[in-house]
Each structure stands twice: as structure tokens, then as C-alpha cells.
């Protein structure tokens, strides 16, 4: 007499369903691709060091003037007899010289921010003249300084 076995009555062909497994693998692949970062770490970026090892003259280590450029502040002052102008605290005697200064600076860095800072006593027409000169010189960012309340 034979003992009953649960495996004897089972069909002999076993089929594996791989479709759900492949779906899971693709979903995991998509998840890891979306969540990963392809930016290089800072420590692995190549750095360009000179082969001379510090024997270069000191003038070579100074960055070009357009690399480090501060805001351009144009002060419009009222002297009682007429307007006076200052570009970054350096006096400019006339509007013609102010235009030449602005054109020269725009030749170096056109996207430098220009801040027009008028005194409260300056007539609006003189402030508009400075605004027009900075636009004609080719500056893209011209702003007005706000007075603190």
C-alpha cells in the first residue's frame, strides 16, 4: 500500500511567470535613475594647477577686472547752483564726462548693476538724464536707491 502524497497528484510541468518580476525590475530601475544625481562630486573635479609651482610673477595671480566687479553707484548731488555727479565716490565734473565713464565701464562689463542714488533736493530732470545716459551706454540693470524710512 502506498502512502498518499500531495506531490503525486500535481501536474508535472511548472511554469514560472516572469512578467511581474520584469515589471518590478524595470520600476526599480526607473526609480533609481530618477533619484540619482549625475553631478560630479566637488572633490573629483579636475583642477588646473600650473607646472611652474609658484614661480610665476605676482601680476599673473590677479583676476581680470570683469571677474570681480562691484555695483556701480552713481550719486547725483545738488550743490545749490546745479547738479554734481559721483561714480563710486569719485567726482565727475560734467555730464559729458559721466557719459564717457559709463561707456568705458560698459565696455568692460555690460551687465554690471547700476544704482542711481539721487539726493532728495535734485530735480527729477537731472535724475532722468543720468538714467538715460546709463541706458544709452548699454547697461542692462539700472536701479534706483531707496531711502531708508
Protein backbone atom coordinates (compact mmCIF):
# COMPACT_ATOMS: atom_id res chain seq x y z
CA UNK A 1 0.00 0.00 0.00
CA UNK A 2 1.22 3.41 -0.91
CA UNK A 3 1.19 6.42 1.26
CA UNK A 4 -0.75 9.35 -0.10
CA UNK A 5 1.48 12.19 -1.29
CA UNK A 6 0.41 15.74 -2.05
CA UNK A 7 3.02 15.98 -4.83
CA UNK A 8 1.84 12.93 -6.81
CA UNK A 9 -1.47 14.43 -7.93
CA UNK A 10 0.11 17.72 -9.01
CA UNK A 11 0.79 18.39 -12.70
CA UNK A 12 4.42 17.83 -13.63
CA UNK A 13 5.01 20.96 -15.67
CA UNK A 14 5.82 24.02 -13.57
CA UNK A 15 5.53 27.38 -15.30
CA UNK A 16 7.27 30.47 -13.97
CA UNK A 17 5.53 33.77 -14.52
CA UNK A 18 8.35 36.24 -15.26
CA UNK A 19 6.22 39.21 -16.33
CA UNK A 20 5.61 40.56 -12.79
CA UNK A 21 9.28 40.08 -11.96
CA UNK A 22 10.39 42.01 -15.04
CA UNK A 23 7.88 44.78 -14.25
CA UNK A 24 9.33 45.13 -10.75
CA UNK A 25 12.89 45.25 -12.07
CA UNK A 26 12.03 47.99 -14.57
CA UNK A 27 10.20 50.00 -11.93
CA UNK A 28 13.20 49.79 -9.63
CA UNK A 29 15.49 50.80 -12.49
CA UNK A 30 13.37 53.85 -13.27
CA UNK A 31 13.20 54.80 -9.58
CA UNK A 32 16.96 54.66 -9.12
CA UNK A 33 17.61 56.60 -12.32
CA UNK A 34 15.25 59.39 -11.27
CA UNK A 35 16.55 59.59 -7.73
CA UNK A 36 20.25 59.51 -8.58
CA UNK A 37 22.34 62.58 -9.16
CA UNK A 38 24.61 62.77 -12.18
CA UNK A 39 26.59 65.78 -10.92
CA UNK A 40 30.25 65.20 -10.24
CA UNK A 41 31.35 65.50 -6.66
CA UNK A 42 33.50 68.54 -5.98
CA UNK A 43 36.48 66.53 -4.87
CA UNK A 44 36.60 64.66 -8.17
CA UNK A 45 36.63 67.74 -10.39
CA UNK A 46 39.91 68.30 -12.13
CA UNK A 47 41.88 71.34 -11.10
CA UNK A 48 44.27 73.13 -13.34
CA UNK A 49 47.50 73.85 -11.49
CA UNK A 50 50.46 75.37 -13.17
CA UNK A 51 53.52 73.21 -13.63
CA UNK A 52 55.75 76.09 -12.56
CA UNK A 53 54.74 75.64 -8.92
CA UNK A 54 54.66 79.25 -7.77
CA UNK A 55 57.43 80.76 -9.86
CA UNK A 56 55.04 82.93 -11.86
CA UNK A 57 55.09 86.71 -11.26
CA UNK A 58 52.57 88.18 -8.84
CA UNK A 59 50.69 90.05 -11.60
CA UNK A 60 49.56 86.75 -13.13
CA UNK A 61 47.59 85.86 -9.99
CA UNK A 62 45.41 88.99 -10.15
CA UNK A 63 41.98 88.19 -11.60
CA UNK A 64 40.79 90.17 -14.62
CA UNK A 65 38.74 93.28 -13.79
CA UNK A 66 35.48 91.80 -15.05
CA UNK A 67 35.71 88.79 -12.72
CA UNK A 68 35.22 90.80 -9.52
CA UNK A 69 33.07 93.83 -10.26
CA UNK A 70 31.13 95.75 -7.63
CA UNK A 71 27.88 97.62 -8.13
CA UNK A 72 28.22 100.89 -9.99
CA UNK A 73 26.74 103.62 -7.78
CA UNK A 74 26.05 106.98 -9.42
CA UNK A 75 25.33 109.70 -6.88
CA UNK A 76 23.51 112.80 -8.08
CA UNK A 77 24.09 115.67 -5.65
CA UNK A 78 22.66 119.19 -5.60
CA UNK A 79 25.25 121.90 -4.92
CA UNK A 80 22.89 124.86 -4.94
CA UNK A 81 23.95 126.08 -8.37
CA UNK A 82 23.42 122.80 -10.19
CA UNK A 83 23.86 119.06 -10.06
CA UNK A 84 27.11 117.29 -9.27
CA UNK A 85 27.85 113.64 -10.03
CA UNK A 86 29.91 110.93 -8.37
CA UNK A 87 30.67 107.47 -9.71
CA UNK A 88 31.56 105.17 -6.80
CA UNK A 89 32.53 108.23 -4.71
CA UNK A 90 34.80 109.65 -7.45
CA UNK A 91 33.62 113.10 -8.61
CA UNK A 92 32.74 113.60 -12.27
CA UNK A 93 32.73 117.26 -13.42
CA UNK A 94 30.18 117.14 -16.27
CA UNK A 95 27.50 115.03 -17.94
CA UNK A 96 29.75 114.52 -20.97
CA UNK A 97 32.48 113.02 -18.81
CA UNK A 98 29.89 110.94 -16.97
CA UNK A 99 28.78 109.53 -20.31
CA UNK A 100 32.39 108.71 -21.25
CA UNK A 101 32.93 106.99 -17.90
CA UNK A 102 29.74 104.95 -18.28
CA UNK A 103 30.62 103.91 -21.84
CA UNK A 104 34.10 102.82 -20.69
CA UNK A 105 32.68 100.77 -17.82
CA UNK A 106 30.01 99.24 -20.09
CA UNK A 107 32.81 98.15 -22.40
CA UNK A 108 34.27 96.11 -19.55
CA UNK A 109 31.09 94.64 -18.10
CA UNK A 110 27.73 95.48 -19.60
CA UNK A 111 25.68 93.50 -17.07
CA UNK A 112 27.12 95.28 -14.02
CA UNK A 113 24.28 96.61 -11.85
CA UNK A 114 23.96 100.41 -11.96
CA UNK A 115 22.40 102.09 -8.94
CA UNK A 116 21.32 105.72 -9.35
CA UNK A 117 21.29 107.39 -5.93
CA UNK A 118 19.91 110.94 -6.12
CA UNK A 119 19.70 113.41 -3.25
CA UNK A 120 16.16 114.50 -2.34
CA UNK A 121 16.89 118.07 -3.46
CA UNK A 122 17.90 117.09 -7.02
CA UNK A 123 15.29 117.93 -9.68
CA UNK A 124 13.73 114.95 -11.42
CA UNK A 125 15.04 116.02 -14.84
CA UNK A 126 18.67 115.67 -13.72
CA UNK A 127 17.97 112.19 -12.36
CA UNK A 128 16.32 111.19 -15.65
CA UNK A 129 19.41 112.49 -17.53
CA UNK A 130 21.60 110.07 -15.57
CA UNK A 131 19.13 107.25 -16.17
CA UNK A 132 19.13 107.97 -19.90
CA UNK A 133 22.94 108.10 -20.02
CA UNK A 134 23.24 104.73 -18.35
CA UNK A 135 20.72 103.21 -20.78
CA UNK A 136 22.49 104.76 -23.79
CA UNK A 137 25.83 103.42 -22.51
CA UNK A 138 24.28 99.95 -22.76
CA UNK A 139 23.75 98.87 -19.17
CA UNK A 140 21.06 96.25 -18.71
CA UNK A 141 20.36 96.60 -14.97
CA UNK A 142 19.64 100.16 -13.86
CA UNK A 143 18.04 100.65 -10.46
CA UNK A 144 17.27 103.48 -8.06
CA UNK A 145 18.47 103.54 -4.47
CA UNK A 146 15.65 103.65 -1.94
CA UNK A 147 15.88 105.96 1.03
CA UNK A 148 15.54 104.35 4.45
CA UNK A 149 12.35 105.41 6.25
